[in-house]
Amino acid sequence: MLVNISEAKTNLSSLINRAYQGEKITIAKHNLPMIDLVVHQPQKHGLKLGLMKGKVKELNNYDWFAEDEEINASFYDGEIFPEE
């Protein structure tokens, strides 16, 4: 169904009901289709709780705060301005 803007303003409630019942409603300006009136579909969340359970190593405080020898070496043993 093609409806001009002025008619859509006047009959918005009935147009919403018709769209909700499955009818395709297109709002036009000067008989040029501009907007389709559609029913809102709630988004499905793709996130499942526990998806990574058993796949990630648990860290204790020691692991979390453990020093990385490679990083320490680059800070303390590396040259700040290497010679060319």
N, C-alpha and C. Protein backbone atom coordinates (compact mmCIF):
# COMPACT_ATOMS: atom_id res chain seq x y z
N MET A 1 0.84 -1.17 0.00
CA MET A 1 0.00 0.00 0.00
C MET A 1 0.89 1.24 0.00
N LEU A 2 0.68 2.14 -0.91
CA LEU A 2 1.41 3.39 -1.02
C LEU A 2 0.55 4.51 -0.45
N VAL A 3 1.12 5.24 0.53
CA VAL A 3 0.38 6.29 1.22
C VAL A 3 1.21 7.56 1.20
N ASN A 4 0.60 8.68 0.85
CA ASN A 4 1.30 9.96 0.89
C ASN A 4 1.44 10.44 2.33
N ILE A 5 2.40 11.32 2.57
CA ILE A 5 2.72 11.78 3.92
C ILE A 5 1.50 12.38 4.61
N SER A 6 0.75 13.21 3.95
CA SER A 6 -0.41 13.85 4.58
C SER A 6 -1.43 12.81 5.03
N GLU A 7 -1.66 11.79 4.22
CA GLU A 7 -2.58 10.71 4.60
C GLU A 7 -1.99 9.89 5.75
N ALA A 8 -0.67 9.69 5.73
CA ALA A 8 -0.02 8.93 6.81
C ALA A 8 -0.14 9.67 8.14
N LYS A 9 -0.01 10.99 8.12
CA LYS A 9 -0.17 11.78 9.35
C LYS A 9 -1.58 11.60 9.92
N THR A 10 -2.55 11.62 9.05
CA THR A 10 -3.95 11.52 9.49
C THR A 10 -4.28 10.13 10.00
N ASN A 11 -3.74 9.09 9.37
CA ASN A 11 -4.13 7.71 9.67
C ASN A 11 -2.99 6.88 10.24
N LEU A 12 -2.09 7.50 10.97
CA LEU A 12 -0.90 6.79 11.43
C LEU A 12 -1.23 5.57 12.28
N SER A 13 -2.17 5.69 13.21
CA SER A 13 -2.52 4.56 14.08
C SER A 13 -3.02 3.37 13.28
N SER A 14 -3.90 3.61 12.33
CA SER A 14 -4.42 2.49 11.54
C SER A 14 -3.34 1.91 10.63
N LEU A 15 -2.44 2.75 10.12
CA LEU A 15 -1.34 2.24 9.30
C LEU A 15 -0.39 1.38 10.11
N ILE A 16 -0.14 1.79 11.35
CA ILE A 16 0.71 0.98 12.24
C ILE A 16 0.07 -0.37 12.48
N ASN A 17 -1.22 -0.39 12.76
CA ASN A 17 -1.92 -1.66 12.98
C ASN A 17 -1.86 -2.55 11.75
N ARG A 18 -2.03 -1.98 10.58
CA ARG A 18 -1.98 -2.76 9.35
C ARG A 18 -0.58 -3.32 9.10
N ALA A 19 0.44 -2.51 9.38
CA ALA A 19 1.82 -2.99 9.23
C ALA A 19 2.10 -4.11 10.23
N TYR A 20 1.58 -3.97 11.43
CA TYR A 20 1.76 -5.00 12.46
C TYR A 20 1.12 -6.32 12.05
N GLN A 21 0.04 -6.24 11.30
CA GLN A 21 -0.65 -7.45 10.84
C GLN A 21 0.02 -8.03 9.59
N GLY A 22 1.08 -7.40 9.10
CA GLY A 22 1.84 -7.98 8.00
C GLY A 22 1.71 -7.27 6.67
N GLU A 23 0.90 -6.25 6.59
CA GLU A 23 0.73 -5.54 5.32
C GLU A 23 1.93 -4.62 5.08
N LYS A 24 2.39 -4.55 3.84
CA LYS A 24 3.50 -3.67 3.50
C LYS A 24 2.96 -2.26 3.28
N ILE A 25 3.46 -1.31 4.08
CA ILE A 25 3.03 0.08 4.00
C ILE A 25 4.24 0.92 3.57
N THR A 26 4.10 1.68 2.50
CA THR A 26 5.15 2.57 2.02
C THR A 26 4.62 3.99 2.07
N ILE A 27 5.38 4.87 2.74
CA ILE A 27 5.01 6.27 2.82
C ILE A 27 5.76 7.01 1.72
N ALA A 28 5.02 7.82 0.96
CA ALA A 28 5.60 8.51 -0.19
C ALA A 28 5.50 10.02 -0.03
N LYS A 29 6.38 10.71 -0.74
CA LYS A 29 6.34 12.17 -0.79
C LYS A 29 6.20 12.53 -2.27
N HIS A 30 5.12 13.20 -2.62
CA HIS A 30 4.81 13.53 -4.02
C HIS A 30 4.80 12.26 -4.87
N ASN A 31 4.21 11.21 -4.33
CA ASN A 31 4.06 9.90 -4.98
C ASN A 31 5.38 9.18 -5.24
N LEU A 32 6.46 9.62 -4.60
CA LEU A 32 7.74 8.91 -4.69
C LEU A 32 7.96 8.16 -3.38
N PRO A 33 8.10 6.83 -3.43
CA PRO A 33 8.29 6.06 -2.20
C PRO A 33 9.50 6.55 -1.42
N MET A 34 9.30 6.78 -0.12
CA MET A 34 10.37 7.30 0.74
C MET A 34 10.70 6.34 1.89
N ILE A 35 9.66 5.85 2.57
CA ILE A 35 9.84 5.08 3.80
C ILE A 35 8.93 3.87 3.78
N ASP A 36 9.48 2.72 4.23
CA ASP A 36 8.64 1.54 4.46
C ASP A 36 8.35 1.45 5.95
N LEU A 37 7.10 1.26 6.28
CA LEU A 37 6.68 1.11 7.67
C LEU A 37 6.78 -0.37 8.00
N VAL A 38 7.69 -0.71 8.91
CA VAL A 38 7.92 -2.12 9.25
C VAL A 38 7.81 -2.32 10.76
N VAL A 39 7.52 -3.54 11.14
CA VAL A 39 7.42 -3.91 12.55
C VAL A 39 8.83 -4.13 13.10
N HIS A 40 9.06 -3.60 14.28
CA HIS A 40 10.36 -3.75 14.94
C HIS A 40 10.57 -5.20 15.34
N GLN A 41 11.75 -5.74 15.00
CA GLN A 41 12.11 -7.10 15.39
C GLN A 41 13.22 -7.01 16.44
N PRO A 42 13.01 -7.59 17.63
CA PRO A 42 14.07 -7.53 18.65
C PRO A 42 15.32 -8.26 18.16
N GLN A 43 16.48 -7.71 18.53
CA GLN A 43 17.74 -8.32 18.13
C GLN A 43 17.99 -9.58 18.94
N LYS A 44 18.51 -10.58 18.27
CA LYS A 44 18.92 -11.80 18.96
C LYS A 44 20.39 -11.64 19.30
N HIS A 45 20.72 -11.86 20.55
CA HIS A 45 22.11 -11.75 20.98
C HIS A 45 22.82 -13.06 20.69
N GLY A 46 23.95 -12.98 20.02
CA GLY A 46 24.71 -14.16 19.66
C GLY A 46 25.61 -14.65 20.79
N LEU A 47 25.61 -13.95 21.90
CA LEU A 47 26.49 -14.31 23.00
C LEU A 47 25.88 -15.42 23.84
N LYS A 48 26.60 -16.51 23.99
CA LYS A 48 26.16 -17.60 24.85
C LYS A 48 27.05 -17.63 26.09
N LEU A 49 26.44 -17.69 27.25
CA LEU A 49 27.22 -17.77 28.47
C LEU A 49 27.94 -19.11 28.53
N GLY A 50 29.19 -19.08 28.94
CA GLY A 50 29.96 -20.30 29.08
C GLY A 50 30.56 -20.79 27.78
N LEU A 51 30.54 -19.99 26.75
CA LEU A 51 31.03 -20.41 25.44
C LEU A 51 32.51 -20.78 25.48
N MET A 52 33.31 -20.08 26.27
CA MET A 52 34.75 -20.33 26.33
C MET A 52 35.16 -21.17 27.55
N LYS A 53 34.19 -21.73 28.24
CA LYS A 53 34.49 -22.51 29.44
C LYS A 53 35.40 -23.68 29.08
N GLY A 54 36.50 -23.79 29.81
CA GLY A 54 37.45 -24.87 29.59
C GLY A 54 38.45 -24.59 28.49
N LYS A 55 38.31 -23.50 27.77
CA LYS A 55 39.21 -23.18 26.68
C LYS A 55 40.24 -22.11 27.05
N VAL A 56 40.03 -21.46 28.19
CA VAL A 56 40.92 -20.39 28.62
C VAL A 56 41.55 -20.79 29.94
N LYS A 57 42.87 -20.61 30.02
CA LYS A 57 43.58 -20.95 31.24
C LYS A 57 43.22 -19.96 32.34
N GLU A 58 42.88 -20.47 33.50
CA GLU A 58 42.59 -19.58 34.63
C GLU A 58 43.90 -19.03 35.17
N LEU A 59 43.90 -17.75 35.50
CA LEU A 59 45.08 -17.11 36.03
C LEU A 59 44.91 -16.86 37.52
N ASN A 60 45.92 -17.20 38.28
CA ASN A 60 45.90 -16.82 39.69
C ASN A 60 46.72 -15.54 39.83
N ASN A 61 46.82 -15.00 41.01
CA ASN A 61 47.54 -13.74 41.20
C ASN A 61 49.00 -13.84 40.79
N TYR A 62 49.61 -15.01 41.03
CA TYR A 62 51.02 -15.16 40.67
C TYR A 62 51.18 -15.06 39.15
N ASP A 63 50.33 -15.75 38.40
CA ASP A 63 50.42 -15.70 36.94
C ASP A 63 50.15 -14.29 36.42
N TRP A 64 49.20 -13.63 37.02
CA TRP A 64 48.81 -12.31 36.53
C TRP A 64 49.93 -11.28 36.71
N PHE A 65 50.59 -11.34 37.87
CA PHE A 65 51.62 -10.36 38.16
C PHE A 65 53.03 -10.86 37.89
N ALA A 66 53.16 -12.04 37.31
CA ALA A 66 54.49 -12.59 37.01
C ALA A 66 55.18 -11.71 35.97
N GLU A 67 56.48 -11.58 36.14
CA GLU A 67 57.24 -10.75 35.22
C GLU A 67 57.56 -11.54 33.95
N ASP A 68 57.59 -10.85 32.85
CA ASP A 68 57.93 -11.45 31.57
C ASP A 68 59.41 -11.18 31.32
N GLU A 69 60.20 -12.25 31.23
CA GLU A 69 61.65 -12.10 31.11
C GLU A 69 62.04 -11.37 29.82
N GLU A 70 61.34 -11.63 28.74
CA GLU A 70 61.66 -10.98 27.46
C GLU A 70 61.44 -9.47 27.54
N ILE A 71 60.35 -9.07 28.18
CA ILE A 71 60.07 -7.63 28.32
C ILE A 71 61.08 -6.99 29.26
N ASN A 72 61.39 -7.67 30.37
CA ASN A 72 62.39 -7.13 31.30
C ASN A 72 63.74 -6.96 30.61
N ALA A 73 64.12 -7.94 29.79
CA ALA A 73 65.41 -7.86 29.10
C ALA A 73 65.43 -6.67 28.14
N SER A 74 64.33 -6.42 27.46
CA SER A 74 64.32 -5.30 26.52
C SER A 74 64.38 -3.96 27.26
N PHE A 75 63.84 -3.91 28.47
CA PHE A 75 63.88 -2.66 29.23
C PHE A 75 65.24 -2.45 29.89
N TYR A 76 65.73 -3.49 30.55
CA TYR A 76 66.92 -3.32 31.37
C TYR A 76 68.22 -3.62 30.65
N ASP A 77 68.21 -4.51 29.68
CA ASP A 77 69.45 -4.89 29.00
C ASP A 77 69.56 -4.29 27.60
N GLY A 78 68.47 -3.80 27.07
CA GLY A 78 68.49 -3.27 25.71
C GLY A 78 69.07 -1.86 25.67
N GLU A 79 69.44 -1.47 24.48
CA GLU A 79 69.99 -0.14 24.30
C GLU A 79 68.86 0.84 23.99
N ILE A 80 68.91 1.99 24.62
CA ILE A 80 67.88 2.98 24.37
C ILE A 80 68.08 3.59 22.98
N PHE A 81 69.29 3.96 22.68
CA PHE A 81 69.61 4.51 21.37
C PHE A 81 70.67 3.61 20.74
N PRO A 82 70.26 2.62 19.94
CA PRO A 82 71.25 1.70 19.36
C PRO A 82 72.21 2.44 18.43
N GLU A 83 73.42 1.96 18.44
CA GLU A 83 74.43 2.56 17.57
C GLU A 83 74.18 2.11 16.15
N GLU A 84 74.46 2.97 15.24
CA GLU A 84 74.24 2.64 13.83
C GLU A 84 75.50 2.18 13.17
